[in-house]
Amino acid sequence: MASTSTNKQPLLVDRVLHEVIDLAGATVAENAGLDITGTNSAAIAIDCTTNDGAIIEDIYAISRANATGYKINLYLSTASDYLRAQQSVFVATLTGGTTTGDVTRIADGSLPFVLAPMPHAGSTDNKFSALYIPRGKALWAAVEQQSAVDEAPNAPLLGLQGGYY
C-alpha cells in the first residue's frame, strides 16, 4: 500500500473510527452475491470520498430476532449517494446470527492481509488482515433479501472498527 497524502504509512491513523449501522431496510436483491441488479436500498457505512481513506480491522454483526440469519454484503464504490452496479465492487460477506443479541465477526481470512507489522515470536506466517478503503471510495453495506418482498425489518446492526488516515 502506498502512503497517504500526509505521507504516513498505512499503520498510522489520524483518528479512530467505530461505526454501528442499522441495516433494517438496507437491502439488495435476493441471492445478489457479487452482482448488484435492479434497485437497492444499501446503506453507506464508511465514506472516504472526501478524505484520505480508512482501514477497517474489525467487522461484526449484532443480530435481531431472525430465524435464518441475514447475509450482509459489503461493497466498495466511488459513489456516496447511491450504490450503483457500474460504480461498485463486492468485497466481503458476513452472515448474522440467528438469536437476538448474537455477535458474529467476519471470518478469518475473509479480508486481505495488510502491511501493518504484527508482534510475534518464532513464526513468520502471522499477518494482520483488514479492509483498506482508499481515498475516493465509500464502503456500502446491505443485507440480501430473503424473498422478493422482504424489506429486512429484522436485519442486524453492522459494526466497523478501525481508523481514518
C-alpha atoms as a PDB file:
ATOM      1  CA  MET A   1       0.000   0.000   0.000  1.00  0.00           C
ATOM      2  CA  ALA A   2       1.184   3.489  -0.702  1.00  0.00           C
ATOM      3  CA  SER A   3       1.341   6.177   1.922  1.00  0.00           C
ATOM      4  CA  THR A   4      -1.430   8.762   2.209  1.00  0.00           C
ATOM      5  CA  SER A   5      -1.237  12.422   1.208  1.00  0.00           C
ATOM      6  CA  THR A   6       0.134  13.309   4.642  1.00  0.00           C
ATOM      7  CA  ASN A   7       2.961  10.830   3.981  1.00  0.00           C
ATOM      8  CA  LYS A   8       2.059   8.338   6.708  1.00  0.00           C
ATOM      9  CA  GLN A   9       2.377   4.613   6.294  1.00  0.00           C
ATOM     10  CA  PRO A  10      -0.922   2.665   6.491  1.00  0.00           C
ATOM     11  CA  LEU A  11      -0.310   1.727  10.127  1.00  0.00           C
ATOM     12  CA  LEU A  12      -0.599   5.338  11.304  1.00  0.00           C
ATOM     13  CA  VAL A  13      -4.106   6.737  11.514  1.00  0.00           C
ATOM     14  CA  ASP A  14      -5.198  10.276  12.387  1.00  0.00           C
ATOM     15  CA  ARG A  15      -8.331   9.294  14.269  1.00  0.00           C
ATOM     16  CA  VAL A  16     -10.036   6.087  15.238  1.00  0.00           C
ATOM     17  CA  LEU A  17     -13.456   5.110  13.995  1.00  0.00           C
ATOM     18  CA  HIS A  18     -16.156   2.858  15.349  1.00  0.00           C
ATOM     19  CA  GLU A  19     -19.402   2.967  13.417  1.00  0.00           C
ATOM     20  CA  VAL A  20     -22.541   0.935  14.052  1.00  0.00           C
ATOM     21  CA  ILE A  21     -25.098   0.966  11.239  1.00  0.00           C
ATOM     22  CA  ASP A  22     -28.693  -0.236  11.442  1.00  0.00           C
ATOM     23  CA  LEU A  23     -29.251  -2.381   8.336  1.00  0.00           C
ATOM     24  CA  ALA A  24     -33.044  -2.665   8.769  1.00  0.00           C
ATOM     25  CA  GLY A  25     -34.427  -1.896   5.317  1.00  0.00           C
ATOM     26  CA  ALA A  26     -30.955  -1.711   3.684  1.00  0.00           C
ATOM     27  CA  THR A  27     -31.343  -4.436   1.069  1.00  0.00           C
ATOM     28  CA  VAL A  28     -30.075  -5.815  -2.212  1.00  0.00           C
ATOM     29  CA  ALA A  29     -31.906  -8.419  -4.279  1.00  0.00           C
ATOM     30  CA  GLU A  30     -32.251 -11.996  -3.073  1.00  0.00           C
ATOM     31  CA  ASN A  31     -29.114 -14.032  -3.937  1.00  0.00           C
ATOM     32  CA  ALA A  32     -27.352 -10.857  -5.134  1.00  0.00           C
ATOM     33  CA  GLY A  33     -23.884 -12.046  -4.174  1.00  0.00           C
ATOM     34  CA  LEU A  34     -21.232 -10.391  -6.293  1.00  0.00           C
ATOM     35  CA  ASP A  35     -23.580  -8.594  -8.645  1.00  0.00           C
ATOM     36  CA  ILE A  36     -25.947  -5.759  -7.824  1.00  0.00           C
ATOM     37  CA  THR A  37     -29.003  -5.837 -10.030  1.00  0.00           C
ATOM     38  CA  GLY A  38     -32.056  -3.608 -10.130  1.00  0.00           C
ATOM     39  CA  THR A  39     -32.778  -1.199  -7.327  1.00  0.00           C
ATOM     40  CA  ASN A  40     -31.378  -1.456  -3.826  1.00  0.00           C
ATOM     41  CA  SER A  41     -31.529   0.402  -0.559  1.00  0.00           C
ATOM     42  CA  ALA A  42     -27.956  -0.207   0.607  1.00  0.00           C
ATOM     43  CA  ALA A  43     -26.587   1.920   3.439  1.00  0.00           C
ATOM     44  CA  ILE A  44     -23.331   3.825   3.277  1.00  0.00           C
ATOM     45  CA  ALA A  45     -21.113   2.561   6.083  1.00  0.00           C
ATOM     46  CA  ILE A  46     -17.845   4.489   5.738  1.00  0.00           C
ATOM     47  CA  ASP A  47     -17.479   7.460   3.371  1.00  0.00           C
ATOM     48  CA  CYS A  48     -13.905   8.192   2.267  1.00  0.00           C
ATOM     49  CA  THR A  49     -14.831  10.050  -0.920  1.00  0.00           C
ATOM     50  CA  THR A  50     -13.590  13.323   0.598  1.00  0.00           C
ATOM     51  CA  ASN A  51     -10.749  12.206   2.883  1.00  0.00           C
ATOM     52  CA  ASP A  52      -7.541  10.164   2.651  1.00  0.00           C
ATOM     53  CA  GLY A  53      -9.129   6.792   3.364  1.00  0.00           C
ATOM     54  CA  ALA A  54      -9.550   4.384   6.233  1.00  0.00           C
ATOM     55  CA  ILE A  55      -8.586   0.952   7.439  1.00  0.00           C
ATOM     56  CA  ILE A  56     -11.189  -1.357   8.986  1.00  0.00           C
ATOM     57  CA  GLU A  57      -9.749  -4.004  11.288  1.00  0.00           C
ATOM     58  CA  ASP A  58     -12.942  -5.474  12.735  1.00  0.00           C
ATOM     59  CA  ILE A  59     -16.330  -6.086  11.128  1.00  0.00           C
ATOM     60  CA  TYR A  60     -19.144  -7.595  13.196  1.00  0.00           C
ATOM     61  CA  ALA A  61     -22.925  -8.024  13.207  1.00  0.00           C
ATOM     62  CA  ILE A  62     -25.306  -7.908  16.163  1.00  0.00           C
ATOM     63  CA  SER A  63     -28.429  -9.893  15.294  1.00  0.00           C
ATOM     64  CA  ARG A  64     -32.063  -9.163  15.927  1.00  0.00           C
ATOM     65  CA  ALA A  65     -34.803 -11.794  16.143  1.00  0.00           C
ATOM     66  CA  ASN A  66     -34.419 -13.710  12.897  1.00  0.00           C
ATOM     67  CA  ALA A  67     -34.848 -17.412  12.278  1.00  0.00           C
ATOM     68  CA  THR A  68     -32.410 -17.784   9.388  1.00  0.00           C
ATOM     69  CA  GLY A  69     -29.776 -15.047   9.717  1.00  0.00           C
ATOM     70  CA  TYR A  70     -29.289 -12.333   7.139  1.00  0.00           C
ATOM     71  CA  LYS A  71     -26.367 -12.366   4.738  1.00  0.00           C
ATOM     72  CA  ILE A  72     -24.602  -8.977   4.816  1.00  0.00           C
ATOM     73  CA  ASN A  73     -22.739  -7.899   1.676  1.00  0.00           C
ATOM     74  CA  LEU A  74     -20.078  -5.190   1.639  1.00  0.00           C
ATOM     75  CA  TYR A  75     -19.229  -3.183  -1.476  1.00  0.00           C
ATOM     76  CA  LEU A  76     -16.640  -0.519  -2.346  1.00  0.00           C
ATOM     77  CA  SER A  77     -17.942   2.243  -4.592  1.00  0.00           C
ATOM     78  CA  THR A  78     -16.865   5.599  -5.954  1.00  0.00           C
ATOM     79  CA  ALA A  79     -20.369   6.972  -5.266  1.00  0.00           C
ATOM     80  CA  SER A  80     -21.526   8.321  -1.929  1.00  0.00           C
ATOM     81  CA  ASP A  81     -25.173   8.935  -2.848  1.00  0.00           C
ATOM     82  CA  TYR A  82     -26.443   5.582  -4.187  1.00  0.00           C
ATOM     83  CA  LEU A  83     -24.943   2.112  -4.680  1.00  0.00           C
ATOM     84  CA  ARG A  84     -24.777   1.593  -8.444  1.00  0.00           C
ATOM     85  CA  ALA A  85     -23.688  -1.636 -10.113  1.00  0.00           C
ATOM     86  CA  GLN A  86     -21.349   0.084 -12.580  1.00  0.00           C
ATOM     87  CA  GLN A  87     -19.540   2.024  -9.807  1.00  0.00           C
ATOM     88  CA  SER A  88     -19.138  -0.689  -7.190  1.00  0.00           C
ATOM     89  CA  VAL A  89     -17.385  -3.938  -6.471  1.00  0.00           C
ATOM     90  CA  PHE A  90     -18.209  -6.670  -3.948  1.00  0.00           C
ATOM     91  CA  VAL A  91     -15.519  -7.046  -1.249  1.00  0.00           C
ATOM     92  CA  ALA A  92     -16.797  -9.274   1.577  1.00  0.00           C
ATOM     93  CA  THR A  93     -19.748 -11.026   3.138  1.00  0.00           C
ATOM     94  CA  LEU A  94     -20.831 -11.879   6.674  1.00  0.00           C
ATOM     95  CA  THR A  95     -23.850 -13.811   7.920  1.00  0.00           C
ATOM     96  CA  GLY A  96     -25.601 -12.524  11.023  1.00  0.00           C
ATOM     97  CA  GLY A  97     -26.597 -14.773  13.905  1.00  0.00           C
ATOM     98  CA  THR A  98     -29.998 -16.361  14.447  1.00  0.00           C
ATOM     99  CA  THR A  99     -30.665 -15.349  18.056  1.00  0.00           C
ATOM    100  CA  THR A 100     -31.279 -11.822  19.304  1.00  0.00           C
ATOM    101  CA  GLY A 101     -28.015 -10.341  20.553  1.00  0.00           C
ATOM    102  CA  ASP A 102     -25.686 -12.819  18.834  1.00  0.00           C
ATOM    103  CA  VAL A 103     -22.421 -11.168  17.770  1.00  0.00           C
ATOM    104  CA  THR A 104     -20.850 -12.583  14.614  1.00  0.00           C
ATOM    105  CA  ARG A 105     -17.459 -11.456  13.316  1.00  0.00           C
ATOM    106  CA  ILE A 106     -16.229 -11.654   9.757  1.00  0.00           C
ATOM    107  CA  ALA A 107     -14.342 -14.925   9.247  1.00  0.00           C
ATOM    108  CA  ASP A 108     -10.551 -15.012   9.476  1.00  0.00           C
ATOM    109  CA  GLY A 109      -9.088 -14.911   6.001  1.00  0.00           C
ATOM    110  CA  SER A 110     -12.080 -13.034   4.542  1.00  0.00           C
ATOM    111  CA  LEU A 111     -10.202  -9.732   4.473  1.00  0.00           C
ATOM    112  CA  PRO A 112      -6.905  -9.046   2.676  1.00  0.00           C
ATOM    113  CA  PHE A 113      -3.587  -9.065   4.506  1.00  0.00           C
ATOM    114  CA  VAL A 114      -2.141  -5.628   5.317  1.00  0.00           C
ATOM    115  CA  LEU A 115       1.390  -4.303   5.707  1.00  0.00           C
ATOM    116  CA  ALA A 116       0.986  -3.395   9.378  1.00  0.00           C
ATOM    117  CA  PRO A 117       3.612  -5.254  11.418  1.00  0.00           C
ATOM    118  CA  MET A 118       2.388  -7.931  13.819  1.00  0.00           C
ATOM    119  CA  PRO A 119       4.291  -8.631  17.028  1.00  0.00           C
ATOM    120  CA  HIS A 120       5.023 -12.330  17.377  1.00  0.00           C
ATOM    121  CA  ALA A 121       7.844 -14.689  18.211  1.00  0.00           C
ATOM    122  CA  GLY A 122       9.043 -17.614  16.145  1.00  0.00           C
ATOM    123  CA  SER A 123       6.516 -17.866  13.340  1.00  0.00           C
ATOM    124  CA  THR A 124       6.821 -15.819  10.158  1.00  0.00           C
ATOM    125  CA  ASP A 125       3.399 -16.601   8.688  1.00  0.00           C
ATOM    126  CA  ASN A 126       1.314 -14.471  11.059  1.00  0.00           C
ATOM    127  CA  LYS A 127      -0.219 -11.445   9.352  1.00  0.00           C
ATOM    128  CA  PHE A 128      -2.887  -8.893  10.132  1.00  0.00           C
ATOM    129  CA  SER A 129      -5.900  -8.766   7.845  1.00  0.00           C
ATOM    130  CA  ALA A 130      -8.041  -5.682   7.382  1.00  0.00           C
ATOM    131  CA  LEU A 131     -10.074  -3.835   4.783  1.00  0.00           C
ATOM    132  CA  TYR A 132      -8.412  -0.740   3.341  1.00  0.00           C
ATOM    133  CA  ILE A 133     -10.801   1.886   1.987  1.00  0.00           C
ATOM    134  CA  PRO A 134      -8.782   4.072  -0.391  1.00  0.00           C
ATOM    135  CA  ARG A 135      -9.243   7.781  -0.908  1.00  0.00           C
ATOM    136  CA  GLY A 136     -12.218   8.474  -3.157  1.00  0.00           C
ATOM    137  CA  LYS A 137     -14.140   5.302  -2.214  1.00  0.00           C
ATOM    138  CA  ALA A 138     -17.025   4.522   0.105  1.00  0.00           C
ATOM    139  CA  LEU A 139     -17.915   1.274   1.853  1.00  0.00           C
ATOM    140  CA  TRP A 140     -21.552   0.250   1.450  1.00  0.00           C
ATOM    141  CA  ALA A 141     -23.462  -2.474   3.288  1.00  0.00           C
ATOM    142  CA  ALA A 142     -26.719  -4.257   2.546  1.00  0.00           C
ATOM    143  CA  VAL A 143     -28.465  -7.462   3.523  1.00  0.00           C
ATOM    144  CA  GLU A 144     -29.711  -9.840   0.875  1.00  0.00           C
ATOM    145  CA  GLN A 145     -33.483 -10.038   0.794  1.00  0.00           C
ATOM    146  CA  GLN A 146     -34.789 -13.442   1.865  1.00  0.00           C
ATOM    147  CA  SER A 147     -37.723 -13.142  -0.553  1.00  0.00           C
ATOM    148  CA  ALA A 148     -38.778 -10.729  -3.274  1.00  0.00           C
ATOM    149  CA  VAL A 149     -40.904  -8.739  -0.793  1.00  0.00           C
ATOM    150  CA  ASP A 150     -38.571  -8.862   2.235  1.00  0.00           C
ATOM    151  CA  GLU A 151     -37.814  -5.345   3.484  1.00  0.00           C
ATOM    152  CA  ALA A 152     -35.486  -6.787   6.151  1.00  0.00           C
ATOM    153  CA  PRO A 153     -37.072  -5.241   9.269  1.00  0.00           C
ATOM    154  CA  ASN A 154     -35.055  -7.608  11.482  1.00  0.00           C
ATOM    155  CA  ALA A 155     -31.725  -7.101   9.721  1.00  0.00           C
ATOM    156  CA  PRO A 156     -28.736  -6.925  12.070  1.00  0.00           C
ATOM    157  CA  LEU A 157     -26.670  -3.982  13.207  1.00  0.00           C
ATOM    158  CA  LEU A 158     -23.287  -3.796  11.486  1.00  0.00           C
ATOM    159  CA  GLY A 159     -20.236  -2.652  13.418  1.00  0.00           C
ATOM    160  CA  LEU A 160     -16.976  -1.438  11.871  1.00  0.00           C
ATOM    161  CA  GLN A 161     -13.869  -0.509  13.824  1.00  0.00           C
ATOM    162  CA  GLY A 162     -10.614   0.938  12.554  1.00  0.00           C
ATOM    163  CA  GLY A 163      -9.239   4.368  11.736  1.00  0.00           C
ATOM    164  CA  TYR A 164      -9.189   7.240   9.270  1.00  0.00           C
ATOM    165  CA  TYR A 165      -5.957   8.439   7.623  1.00  0.00           C
END
